[in-house]
Amino acid sequence: QVQLVESGGGLVQAGGSLRLSCSAPRSIFSSINAMAWYRQAPGNQRELVASITSGGSTKYADSVKGRFTISKDNTKSMVYLQMNSLKPEDTAVYYCYANWPLPGVDHWGQGTQVTVSS
């Protein structure tokens, strides 16, 4: 099991910003196929927010395009999610995800709460 540790969640007013961070083991970071951020709001299924491949290609959910940015720092073994112009509907537990070493082998962080007040 790959240990993923999220941080950076919290309470913010609508229109504000937060940056989530996810650390992964340095020993395998460069070989992780893809990492992503998912979120799950109460009563809803977990949904993909943004993903980034080992080559740096990114994808975003339509609901966050233009507001959220996923990035990674290979030197620090970190993945980030910069969230701007936050809306109350962004309120959820956000989970860091990694696919390693093979397709279908998934790893999850413990989650971090993001609450956006109106």
N, C-alpha and C. Protein backbone atom coordinates (compact mmCIF):
# COMPACT_ATOMS: atom_id res chain seq x y z
N GLN A 1 0.83 -1.19 0.00
CA GLN A 1 0.00 0.00 0.00
C GLN A 1 0.87 1.24 0.00
N VAL A 2 0.54 2.17 -0.89
CA VAL A 2 1.26 3.43 -0.98
C VAL A 2 0.63 4.42 -0.02
N GLN A 3 1.42 5.04 0.82
CA GLN A 3 0.90 6.01 1.77
C GLN A 3 0.83 7.38 1.12
N LEU A 4 -0.39 7.88 0.99
CA LEU A 4 -0.63 9.22 0.47
C LEU A 4 -1.18 10.07 1.60
N VAL A 5 -0.61 11.24 1.80
CA VAL A 5 -1.01 12.09 2.91
C VAL A 5 -1.44 13.45 2.36
N GLU A 6 -2.73 13.78 2.57
CA GLU A 6 -3.26 15.06 2.13
C GLU A 6 -3.18 16.09 3.24
N SER A 7 -3.12 17.34 2.82
CA SER A 7 -3.21 18.46 3.76
C SER A 7 -3.73 19.68 3.00
N GLY A 8 -4.16 20.68 3.77
CA GLY A 8 -4.56 21.94 3.15
C GLY A 8 -6.04 22.22 3.12
N GLY A 9 -6.85 21.27 3.56
CA GLY A 9 -8.28 21.52 3.58
C GLY A 9 -8.64 22.53 4.66
N GLY A 10 -9.90 22.94 4.65
CA GLY A 10 -10.35 23.89 5.66
C GLY A 10 -11.64 24.54 5.27
N LEU A 11 -11.95 25.61 5.98
CA LEU A 11 -13.18 26.38 5.76
C LEU A 11 -12.81 27.69 5.06
N VAL A 12 -13.53 27.99 4.00
CA VAL A 12 -13.27 29.21 3.25
C VAL A 12 -14.59 29.78 2.74
N GLN A 13 -14.63 31.08 2.57
CA GLN A 13 -15.84 31.70 2.04
C GLN A 13 -15.89 31.54 0.52
N ALA A 14 -17.09 31.57 0.00
CA ALA A 14 -17.27 31.50 -1.45
C ALA A 14 -16.43 32.60 -2.12
N GLY A 15 -15.78 32.20 -3.22
CA GLY A 15 -14.90 33.12 -3.92
C GLY A 15 -13.46 33.04 -3.47
N GLY A 16 -13.22 32.34 -2.38
CA GLY A 16 -11.88 32.24 -1.84
C GLY A 16 -11.07 31.13 -2.50
N SER A 17 -9.88 30.90 -1.96
CA SER A 17 -8.96 29.92 -2.53
C SER A 17 -8.38 29.02 -1.44
N LEU A 18 -8.04 27.82 -1.84
CA LEU A 18 -7.32 26.87 -1.01
C LEU A 18 -6.36 26.10 -1.89
N ARG A 19 -5.28 25.62 -1.29
CA ARG A 19 -4.38 24.72 -2.00
C ARG A 19 -4.24 23.43 -1.21
N LEU A 20 -4.60 22.34 -1.86
CA LEU A 20 -4.43 21.02 -1.25
C LEU A 20 -3.09 20.44 -1.67
N SER A 21 -2.49 19.71 -0.76
CA SER A 21 -1.21 19.06 -1.03
C SER A 21 -1.32 17.58 -0.74
N CYS A 22 -0.59 16.78 -1.50
CA CYS A 22 -0.56 15.33 -1.30
C CYS A 22 0.87 14.86 -1.44
N SER A 23 1.35 14.22 -0.41
CA SER A 23 2.71 13.68 -0.47
C SER A 23 2.65 12.18 -0.74
N ALA A 24 3.61 11.71 -1.52
CA ALA A 24 3.72 10.30 -1.85
C ALA A 24 5.17 9.87 -1.56
N PRO A 25 5.39 8.57 -1.42
CA PRO A 25 6.75 8.12 -1.12
C PRO A 25 7.73 8.53 -2.21
N ARG A 26 8.83 9.10 -1.77
CA ARG A 26 9.85 9.57 -2.72
C ARG A 26 10.40 8.42 -3.56
N SER A 27 10.48 7.24 -2.97
CA SER A 27 11.11 6.10 -3.64
C SER A 27 10.36 5.65 -4.88
N ILE A 28 9.08 5.93 -4.95
CA ILE A 28 8.30 5.47 -6.09
C ILE A 28 7.68 6.60 -6.90
N PHE A 29 7.82 7.83 -6.43
CA PHE A 29 7.07 8.94 -7.02
C PHE A 29 7.26 9.03 -8.53
N SER A 30 8.50 8.91 -8.98
CA SER A 30 8.77 9.08 -10.40
C SER A 30 8.16 7.97 -11.25
N SER A 31 7.79 6.86 -10.64
CA SER A 31 7.24 5.74 -11.39
C SER A 31 5.72 5.62 -11.25
N ILE A 32 5.12 6.53 -10.52
CA ILE A 32 3.65 6.53 -10.40
C ILE A 32 3.05 6.91 -11.76
N ASN A 33 2.13 6.10 -12.22
CA ASN A 33 1.57 6.31 -13.56
C ASN A 33 0.73 7.57 -13.65
N ALA A 34 -0.09 7.77 -12.65
CA ALA A 34 -0.97 8.94 -12.65
C ALA A 34 -1.40 9.22 -11.22
N MET A 35 -1.63 10.48 -10.95
CA MET A 35 -2.19 10.88 -9.66
C MET A 35 -3.39 11.78 -9.93
N ALA A 36 -4.24 11.85 -8.93
CA ALA A 36 -5.47 12.61 -9.14
C ALA A 36 -6.04 13.07 -7.82
N TRP A 37 -6.97 13.97 -7.91
CA TRP A 37 -7.80 14.40 -6.78
C TRP A 37 -9.24 14.01 -7.10
N TYR A 38 -9.86 13.35 -6.14
CA TYR A 38 -11.28 13.04 -6.19
C TYR A 38 -11.95 13.78 -5.04
N ARG A 39 -13.25 13.87 -5.11
CA ARG A 39 -14.00 14.43 -3.99
C ARG A 39 -15.31 13.68 -3.81
N GLN A 40 -15.79 13.74 -2.58
CA GLN A 40 -17.06 13.09 -2.27
C GLN A 40 -17.83 13.96 -1.29
N ALA A 41 -18.98 14.40 -1.74
CA ALA A 41 -19.87 15.18 -0.88
C ALA A 41 -20.88 14.23 -0.25
N PRO A 42 -21.46 14.60 0.90
CA PRO A 42 -22.43 13.72 1.57
C PRO A 42 -23.56 13.33 0.64
N GLY A 43 -23.82 12.02 0.56
CA GLY A 43 -24.91 11.53 -0.26
C GLY A 43 -24.55 11.38 -1.73
N ASN A 44 -23.33 11.76 -2.09
CA ASN A 44 -22.92 11.67 -3.48
C ASN A 44 -21.83 10.62 -3.66
N GLN A 45 -21.67 10.18 -4.91
CA GLN A 45 -20.58 9.28 -5.22
C GLN A 45 -19.27 10.06 -5.32
N ARG A 46 -18.20 9.34 -5.13
CA ARG A 46 -16.88 9.96 -5.29
C ARG A 46 -16.69 10.30 -6.77
N GLU A 47 -16.20 11.51 -7.04
CA GLU A 47 -16.03 11.94 -8.42
C GLU A 47 -14.63 12.46 -8.66
N LEU A 48 -14.17 12.29 -9.89
CA LEU A 48 -12.86 12.78 -10.28
C LEU A 48 -12.90 14.29 -10.43
N VAL A 49 -11.95 14.96 -9.82
CA VAL A 49 -11.83 16.42 -9.93
C VAL A 49 -10.77 16.78 -10.96
N ALA A 50 -9.58 16.19 -10.80
CA ALA A 50 -8.47 16.50 -11.71
C ALA A 50 -7.46 15.38 -11.64
N SER A 51 -6.76 15.17 -12.75
CA SER A 51 -5.73 14.14 -12.79
C SER A 51 -4.50 14.66 -13.51
N ILE A 52 -3.37 14.01 -13.22
CA ILE A 52 -2.11 14.36 -13.87
C ILE A 52 -1.31 13.10 -14.07
N THR A 53 -0.78 12.92 -15.28
CA THR A 53 0.00 11.73 -15.57
C THR A 53 1.46 11.94 -15.23
N SER A 54 2.22 10.86 -15.35
CA SER A 54 3.65 10.97 -15.08
C SER A 54 4.32 11.95 -16.04
N GLY A 55 3.75 12.08 -17.23
CA GLY A 55 4.29 13.01 -18.21
C GLY A 55 3.80 14.44 -18.07
N GLY A 56 2.88 14.63 -17.12
CA GLY A 56 2.40 15.98 -16.86
C GLY A 56 1.10 16.36 -17.54
N SER A 57 0.48 15.44 -18.27
CA SER A 57 -0.79 15.73 -18.91
C SER A 57 -1.88 15.82 -17.85
N THR A 58 -2.77 16.78 -18.01
CA THR A 58 -3.81 17.01 -17.01
C THR A 58 -5.19 16.92 -17.61
N LYS A 59 -6.15 16.57 -16.75
CA LYS A 59 -7.56 16.55 -17.11
C LYS A 59 -8.35 17.09 -15.93
N TYR A 60 -9.49 17.71 -16.25
CA TYR A 60 -10.32 18.31 -15.22
C TYR A 60 -11.78 17.97 -15.44
N ALA A 61 -12.50 17.89 -14.34
CA ALA A 61 -13.94 17.81 -14.43
C ALA A 61 -14.46 19.13 -14.97
N ASP A 62 -15.54 19.07 -15.74
CA ASP A 62 -16.09 20.29 -16.32
C ASP A 62 -16.44 21.32 -15.24
N SER A 63 -16.86 20.84 -14.09
CA SER A 63 -17.32 21.74 -13.03
C SER A 63 -16.20 22.58 -12.42
N VAL A 64 -14.95 22.18 -12.65
CA VAL A 64 -13.83 22.90 -12.03
C VAL A 64 -12.89 23.53 -13.05
N LYS A 65 -13.14 23.29 -14.32
CA LYS A 65 -12.26 23.85 -15.36
C LYS A 65 -12.20 25.37 -15.25
N GLY A 66 -10.99 25.88 -15.33
CA GLY A 66 -10.79 27.32 -15.23
C GLY A 66 -10.68 27.83 -13.81
N ARG A 67 -11.00 26.99 -12.84
CA ARG A 67 -10.92 27.41 -11.43
C ARG A 67 -9.86 26.63 -10.66
N PHE A 68 -9.70 25.35 -10.98
CA PHE A 68 -8.76 24.49 -10.26
C PHE A 68 -7.57 24.16 -11.16
N THR A 69 -6.43 23.99 -10.53
CA THR A 69 -5.22 23.60 -11.26
C THR A 69 -4.49 22.49 -10.49
N ILE A 70 -4.24 21.39 -11.18
CA ILE A 70 -3.46 20.31 -10.58
C ILE A 70 -2.02 20.42 -11.07
N SER A 71 -1.09 20.17 -10.17
CA SER A 71 0.32 20.24 -10.54
C SER A 71 1.10 19.27 -9.66
N LYS A 72 2.34 19.04 -10.04
CA LYS A 72 3.17 18.16 -9.22
C LYS A 72 4.60 18.68 -9.19
N ASP A 73 5.28 18.35 -8.13
CA ASP A 73 6.68 18.72 -7.95
C ASP A 73 7.45 17.42 -7.73
N ASN A 74 8.13 16.97 -8.76
CA ASN A 74 8.85 15.70 -8.66
C ASN A 74 9.98 15.76 -7.63
N THR A 75 10.54 16.95 -7.43
CA THR A 75 11.65 17.08 -6.49
C THR A 75 11.18 16.93 -5.05
N LYS A 76 9.91 17.21 -4.81
CA LYS A 76 9.36 17.13 -3.46
C LYS A 76 8.40 15.95 -3.30
N SER A 77 8.17 15.21 -4.38
CA SER A 77 7.22 14.08 -4.35
C SER A 77 5.84 14.55 -3.89
N MET A 78 5.40 15.63 -4.45
CA MET A 78 4.14 16.25 -4.03
C MET A 78 3.24 16.49 -5.23
N VAL A 79 1.95 16.40 -5.00
CA VAL A 79 0.93 16.81 -5.96
C VAL A 79 0.06 17.85 -5.28
N TYR A 80 -0.33 18.86 -6.05
CA TYR A 80 -1.10 19.96 -5.49
C TYR A 80 -2.41 20.14 -6.26
N LEU A 81 -3.38 20.71 -5.58
CA LEU A 81 -4.60 21.14 -6.23
C LEU A 81 -4.87 22.57 -5.78
N GLN A 82 -4.63 23.51 -6.66
CA GLN A 82 -4.94 24.91 -6.39
C GLN A 82 -6.39 25.16 -6.75
N MET A 83 -7.16 25.59 -5.77
CA MET A 83 -8.59 25.80 -5.98
C MET A 83 -8.91 27.27 -5.79
N ASN A 84 -9.34 27.91 -6.85
CA ASN A 84 -9.72 29.32 -6.82
C ASN A 84 -11.21 29.48 -7.09
N SER A 85 -11.72 30.64 -6.77
CA SER A 85 -13.13 30.95 -7.00
C SER A 85 -14.03 29.84 -6.48
N LEU A 86 -13.77 29.44 -5.26
CA LEU A 86 -14.50 28.32 -4.68
C LEU A 86 -15.98 28.64 -4.51
N LYS A 87 -16.78 27.60 -4.69
CA LYS A 87 -18.24 27.71 -4.59
C LYS A 87 -18.72 26.77 -3.49
N PRO A 88 -19.88 27.04 -2.92
CA PRO A 88 -20.42 26.12 -1.90
C PRO A 88 -20.54 24.69 -2.40
N GLU A 89 -20.81 24.52 -3.67
CA GLU A 89 -20.93 23.16 -4.21
C GLU A 89 -19.60 22.43 -4.33
N ASP A 90 -18.50 23.11 -4.05
CA ASP A 90 -17.20 22.45 -3.99
C ASP A 90 -16.96 21.78 -2.63
N THR A 91 -17.86 22.01 -1.71
CA THR A 91 -17.74 21.41 -0.38
C THR A 91 -17.77 19.89 -0.47
N ALA A 92 -16.74 19.26 0.07
CA ALA A 92 -16.62 17.80 -0.01
C ALA A 92 -15.36 17.37 0.74
N VAL A 93 -15.22 16.06 0.90
CA VAL A 93 -13.95 15.50 1.33
C VAL A 93 -13.14 15.23 0.05
N TYR A 94 -11.94 15.74 0.02
CA TYR A 94 -11.08 15.59 -1.14
C TYR A 94 -10.02 14.51 -0.87
N TYR A 95 -9.89 13.61 -1.82
CA TYR A 95 -9.00 12.47 -1.68
C TYR A 95 -7.89 12.50 -2.74
N CYS A 96 -6.71 12.22 -2.31
CA CYS A 96 -5.59 12.04 -3.22
C CYS A 96 -5.57 10.59 -3.69
N TYR A 97 -5.26 10.40 -4.97
CA TYR A 97 -5.28 9.07 -5.58
C TYR A 97 -3.99 8.87 -6.38
N ALA A 98 -3.51 7.63 -6.35
CA ALA A 98 -2.35 7.28 -7.16
C ALA A 98 -2.55 5.91 -7.80
N ASN A 99 -2.13 5.80 -9.02
CA ASN A 99 -2.16 4.52 -9.73
C ASN A 99 -0.72 4.03 -9.87
N TRP A 100 -0.45 2.92 -9.21
CA TRP A 100 0.93 2.38 -9.20
C TRP A 100 0.90 0.99 -8.68
N PRO A 101 1.66 0.05 -9.16
CA PRO A 101 2.57 0.17 -10.29
C PRO A 101 1.92 -0.19 -11.62
N LEU A 102 0.71 -0.78 -11.55
CA LEU A 102 0.07 -1.24 -12.77
C LEU A 102 -1.32 -0.61 -12.89
N PRO A 103 -1.86 -0.51 -14.08
CA PRO A 103 -3.24 -0.05 -14.24
C PRO A 103 -4.18 -0.89 -13.39
N GLY A 104 -5.07 -0.21 -12.68
CA GLY A 104 -6.02 -0.92 -11.84
C GLY A 104 -5.56 -1.10 -10.41
N VAL A 105 -4.31 -0.80 -10.13
CA VAL A 105 -3.83 -0.86 -8.75
C VAL A 105 -3.91 0.55 -8.19
N ASP A 106 -4.89 0.76 -7.33
CA ASP A 106 -5.23 2.10 -6.86
C ASP A 106 -4.86 2.30 -5.40
N HIS A 107 -4.47 3.52 -5.07
CA HIS A 107 -4.12 3.88 -3.69
C HIS A 107 -4.80 5.20 -3.37
N TRP A 108 -5.26 5.33 -2.13
CA TRP A 108 -6.01 6.50 -1.69
C TRP A 108 -5.43 7.08 -0.41
N GLY A 109 -5.53 8.39 -0.31
CA GLY A 109 -5.23 9.05 0.93
C GLY A 109 -6.42 8.99 1.86
N GLN A 110 -6.27 9.58 3.04
CA GLN A 110 -7.33 9.51 4.05
C GLN A 110 -8.40 10.57 3.84
N GLY A 111 -8.12 11.54 3.02
CA GLY A 111 -9.09 12.59 2.72
C GLY A 111 -8.89 13.83 3.56
N THR A 112 -9.26 14.96 2.99
CA THR A 112 -9.21 16.23 3.72
C THR A 112 -10.48 17.01 3.41
N GLN A 113 -11.07 17.58 4.45
CA GLN A 113 -12.36 18.26 4.30
C GLN A 113 -12.16 19.66 3.75
N VAL A 114 -12.95 19.99 2.75
CA VAL A 114 -13.03 21.36 2.22
C VAL A 114 -14.47 21.82 2.38
N THR A 115 -14.66 22.92 3.07
CA THR A 115 -15.98 23.48 3.27
C THR A 115 -16.00 24.92 2.77
N VAL A 116 -16.92 25.20 1.87
CA VAL A 116 -17.04 26.54 1.30
C VAL A 116 -18.37 27.12 1.77
N SER A 117 -18.30 28.20 2.49
CA SER A 117 -19.51 28.83 3.01
C SER A 117 -20.00 29.91 2.05
N SER A 118 -21.31 30.07 2.02
CA SER A 118 -21.91 31.07 1.11
C SER A 118 -22.02 32.43 1.77
